[in-house]
């Protein structure tokens, strides 16, 4: 199996599940952030995911599954995508490697400026 920047399997022991709906690059007032910039949108979407996790008493250390939806995905986008992840790794306490993750290419998301959306599932004791 080729090395990847995430775990292939997570085993969670807990009773409280936290599901964070798709987070995008928007500020607290809903204004778009980083139009046209995949790297920055990944970073902002992960920051918003962290805020959602915190609101439920969780953090990235509790996450057992991440799903990324990226518009117009091509393999050449992996560099800018991973740069966005790396940009906030220390800031948000992202584990390395990441929890099990999927990156799904889509033709578009709900608004034309949105390049990436992140969903997270966490399990707490």
C-alpha atoms as a PDB file:
ATOM      1  CA  UNK A   1       0.000   0.000   0.000  1.00  0.00           C
ATOM      2  CA  UNK A   2       1.335   3.446  -0.931  1.00  0.00           C
ATOM      3  CA  UNK A   3       1.973   5.777   2.042  1.00  0.00           C
ATOM      4  CA  UNK A   4      -0.678   8.453   2.511  1.00  0.00           C
ATOM      5  CA  UNK A   5      -0.945  11.403   4.931  1.00  0.00           C
ATOM      6  CA  UNK A   6      -3.823   9.823   6.852  1.00  0.00           C
ATOM      7  CA  UNK A   7      -4.615   6.641   8.779  1.00  0.00           C
ATOM      8  CA  UNK A   8      -6.544   3.951   6.931  1.00  0.00           C
ATOM      9  CA  UNK A   9      -8.427   2.794  10.030  1.00  0.00           C
ATOM     10  CA  UNK A  10      -9.650   4.429  13.232  1.00  0.00           C
ATOM     11  CA  UNK A  11     -11.096   2.607  16.212  1.00  0.00           C
ATOM     12  CA  UNK A  12     -13.188   4.773  18.489  1.00  0.00           C
ATOM     13  CA  UNK A  13     -14.275   3.932  22.003  1.00  0.00           C
ATOM     14  CA  UNK A  14     -16.806   6.377  23.293  1.00  0.00           C
ATOM     15  CA  UNK A  15     -20.461   7.077  23.486  1.00  0.00           C
ATOM     16  CA  UNK A  16     -20.836  10.653  22.282  1.00  0.00           C
ATOM     17  CA  UNK A  17     -20.646  11.165  18.536  1.00  0.00           C
ATOM     18  CA  UNK A  18     -20.015  14.621  17.091  1.00  0.00           C
ATOM     19  CA  UNK A  19     -20.837  15.233  13.435  1.00  0.00           C
ATOM     20  CA  UNK A  20     -19.676  18.536  11.978  1.00  0.00           C
ATOM     21  CA  UNK A  21     -21.539  19.427   8.796  1.00  0.00           C
ATOM     22  CA  UNK A  22     -19.651  20.681   5.761  1.00  0.00           C
ATOM     23  CA  UNK A  23     -17.514  23.675   6.649  1.00  0.00           C
ATOM     24  CA  UNK A  24     -16.315  26.150   4.046  1.00  0.00           C
ATOM     25  CA  UNK A  25     -14.163  29.271   3.787  1.00  0.00           C
ATOM     26  CA  UNK A  26     -16.527  31.868   5.276  1.00  0.00           C
ATOM     27  CA  UNK A  27     -16.039  34.366   8.076  1.00  0.00           C
ATOM     28  CA  UNK A  28     -18.396  34.642  11.063  1.00  0.00           C
ATOM     29  CA  UNK A  29     -20.700  36.912   9.039  1.00  0.00           C
ATOM     30  CA  UNK A  30     -20.879  34.463   6.132  1.00  0.00           C
ATOM     31  CA  UNK A  31     -18.613  36.460   3.825  1.00  0.00           C
ATOM     32  CA  UNK A  32     -16.466  34.436   1.374  1.00  0.00           C
ATOM     33  CA  UNK A  33     -12.773  34.094   2.225  1.00  0.00           C
ATOM     34  CA  UNK A  34      -9.921  33.516  -0.235  1.00  0.00           C
ATOM     35  CA  UNK A  35     -11.898  33.421  -3.515  1.00  0.00           C
ATOM     36  CA  UNK A  36     -10.131  31.252  -6.091  1.00  0.00           C
ATOM     37  CA  UNK A  37      -7.391  30.115  -3.671  1.00  0.00           C
ATOM     38  CA  UNK A  38      -7.611  26.407  -2.833  1.00  0.00           C
ATOM     39  CA  UNK A  39      -4.785  26.513  -0.273  1.00  0.00           C
ATOM     40  CA  UNK A  40      -6.363  29.310   1.741  1.00  0.00           C
ATOM     41  CA  UNK A  41      -9.869  27.878   1.440  1.00  0.00           C
ATOM     42  CA  UNK A  42      -8.668  24.537   2.825  1.00  0.00           C
ATOM     43  CA  UNK A  43      -7.047  26.358   5.764  1.00  0.00           C
ATOM     44  CA  UNK A  44     -10.176  28.437   6.481  1.00  0.00           C
ATOM     45  CA  UNK A  45     -12.506  25.437   6.137  1.00  0.00           C
ATOM     46  CA  UNK A  46     -10.373  23.492   8.630  1.00  0.00           C
ATOM     47  CA  UNK A  47     -10.434  26.461  11.031  1.00  0.00           C
ATOM     48  CA  UNK A  48     -14.230  26.482  10.813  1.00  0.00           C
ATOM     49  CA  UNK A  49     -14.270  22.717  11.343  1.00  0.00           C
ATOM     50  CA  UNK A  50     -12.157  23.210  14.483  1.00  0.00           C
ATOM     51  CA  UNK A  51     -14.646  25.810  15.738  1.00  0.00           C
ATOM     52  CA  UNK A  52     -17.504  23.365  15.192  1.00  0.00           C
ATOM     53  CA  UNK A  53     -15.638  20.638  17.052  1.00  0.00           C
ATOM     54  CA  UNK A  54     -14.810  23.014  19.932  1.00  0.00           C
ATOM     55  CA  UNK A  55     -18.478  23.984  20.254  1.00  0.00           C
ATOM     56  CA  UNK A  56     -19.194  20.329  21.103  1.00  0.00           C
ATOM     57  CA  UNK A  57     -16.217  19.940  23.442  1.00  0.00           C
ATOM     58  CA  UNK A  58     -14.138  18.073  20.855  1.00  0.00           C
ATOM     59  CA  UNK A  59     -10.929  18.652  18.938  1.00  0.00           C
ATOM     60  CA  UNK A  60      -9.102  17.112  16.017  1.00  0.00           C
ATOM     61  CA  UNK A  61      -7.631  14.517  18.378  1.00  0.00           C
ATOM     62  CA  UNK A  62     -11.166  13.137  18.748  1.00  0.00           C
ATOM     63  CA  UNK A  63     -11.864  12.996  15.003  1.00  0.00           C
ATOM     64  CA  UNK A  64     -12.254   9.529  13.516  1.00  0.00           C
ATOM     65  CA  UNK A  65     -13.224  10.569   9.981  1.00  0.00           C
ATOM     66  CA  UNK A  66     -12.694  13.553   7.667  1.00  0.00           C
ATOM     67  CA  UNK A  67     -14.298  14.038   4.279  1.00  0.00           C
ATOM     68  CA  UNK A  68     -13.136  16.726   1.878  1.00  0.00           C
ATOM     69  CA  UNK A  69     -15.160  17.732  -1.179  1.00  0.00           C
ATOM     70  CA  UNK A  70     -13.129  19.711  -3.732  1.00  0.00           C
ATOM     71  CA  UNK A  71     -14.500  21.303  -6.887  1.00  0.00           C
ATOM     72  CA  UNK A  72     -12.803  20.678 -10.217  1.00  0.00           C
ATOM     73  CA  UNK A  73     -10.384  18.203  -8.652  1.00  0.00           C
ATOM     74  CA  UNK A  74      -7.353  17.031 -10.603  1.00  0.00           C
ATOM     75  CA  UNK A  75      -4.321  15.209  -9.194  1.00  0.00           C
ATOM     76  CA  UNK A  76      -2.260  18.381  -9.744  1.00  0.00           C
ATOM     77  CA  UNK A  77      -4.304  20.052  -6.988  1.00  0.00           C
ATOM     78  CA  UNK A  78      -2.779  17.854  -4.264  1.00  0.00           C
ATOM     79  CA  UNK A  79       0.082  20.337  -3.686  1.00  0.00           C
ATOM     80  CA  UNK A  80      -2.148  23.362  -2.993  1.00  0.00           C
ATOM     81  CA  UNK A  81      -4.586  21.177  -1.051  1.00  0.00           C
ATOM     82  CA  UNK A  82      -1.894  19.759   1.253  1.00  0.00           C
ATOM     83  CA  UNK A  83      -0.354  23.226   1.648  1.00  0.00           C
ATOM     84  CA  UNK A  84      -3.667  24.346   3.157  1.00  0.00           C
ATOM     85  CA  UNK A  85      -3.658  21.406   5.564  1.00  0.00           C
ATOM     86  CA  UNK A  86      -0.027  22.014   6.533  1.00  0.00           C
ATOM     87  CA  UNK A  87      -0.661  25.732   7.021  1.00  0.00           C
ATOM     88  CA  UNK A  88      -2.985  25.048   9.972  1.00  0.00           C
ATOM     89  CA  UNK A  89      -1.577  21.770  11.342  1.00  0.00           C
ATOM     90  CA  UNK A  90       0.195  23.330  14.346  1.00  0.00           C
ATOM     91  CA  UNK A  91      -2.437  26.048  14.851  1.00  0.00           C
ATOM     92  CA  UNK A  92      -5.324  23.574  15.091  1.00  0.00           C
ATOM     93  CA  UNK A  93      -3.505  20.570  16.548  1.00  0.00           C
ATOM     94  CA  UNK A  94      -4.135  18.393  13.512  1.00  0.00           C
ATOM     95  CA  UNK A  95      -2.671  14.954  14.098  1.00  0.00           C
ATOM     96  CA  UNK A  96      -0.062  13.621  11.711  1.00  0.00           C
ATOM     97  CA  UNK A  97      -0.983  11.504   9.973  1.00  0.00           C
ATOM     98  CA  UNK A  98      -4.575  12.705   9.751  1.00  0.00           C
ATOM     99  CA  UNK A  99      -7.485  10.507  10.803  1.00  0.00           C
ATOM    100  CA  UNK A 100      -9.014   8.371   8.058  1.00  0.00           C
ATOM    101  CA  UNK A 101      -9.972  10.754   5.274  1.00  0.00           C
ATOM    102  CA  UNK A 102     -11.535  10.864   1.846  1.00  0.00           C
ATOM    103  CA  UNK A 103     -11.016  13.535  -0.779  1.00  0.00           C
ATOM    104  CA  UNK A 104     -13.888  13.573  -3.243  1.00  0.00           C
ATOM    105  CA  UNK A 105     -13.806  15.615  -6.430  1.00  0.00           C
ATOM    106  CA  UNK A 106     -17.114  17.263  -7.325  1.00  0.00           C
ATOM    107  CA  UNK A 107     -18.206  19.442 -10.223  1.00  0.00           C
ATOM    108  CA  UNK A 108     -19.475  22.197  -7.915  1.00  0.00           C
ATOM    109  CA  UNK A 109     -20.619  22.925  -4.386  1.00  0.00           C
ATOM    110  CA  UNK A 110     -23.595  25.011  -3.275  1.00  0.00           C
ATOM    111  CA  UNK A 111     -22.106  28.416  -4.226  1.00  0.00           C
ATOM    112  CA  UNK A 112     -19.736  29.093  -7.133  1.00  0.00           C
ATOM    113  CA  UNK A 113     -16.898  30.551  -5.006  1.00  0.00           C
ATOM    114  CA  UNK A 114     -16.693  27.490  -2.717  1.00  0.00           C
ATOM    115  CA  UNK A 115     -13.726  25.307  -3.699  1.00  0.00           C
ATOM    116  CA  UNK A 116     -13.662  22.978  -0.687  1.00  0.00           C
ATOM    117  CA  UNK A 117     -16.005  21.690   2.002  1.00  0.00           C
ATOM    118  CA  UNK A 118     -14.913  19.660   5.058  1.00  0.00           C
ATOM    119  CA  UNK A 119     -17.008  17.264   7.151  1.00  0.00           C
ATOM    120  CA  UNK A 120     -15.777  15.712  10.392  1.00  0.00           C
ATOM    121  CA  UNK A 121     -16.925  12.919  12.682  1.00  0.00           C
ATOM    122  CA  UNK A 122     -15.553  12.725  16.236  1.00  0.00           C
ATOM    123  CA  UNK A 123     -16.179  10.348  19.122  1.00  0.00           C
ATOM    124  CA  UNK A 124     -15.960  11.452  22.749  1.00  0.00           C
ATOM    125  CA  UNK A 125     -15.989   9.355  25.925  1.00  0.00           C
END
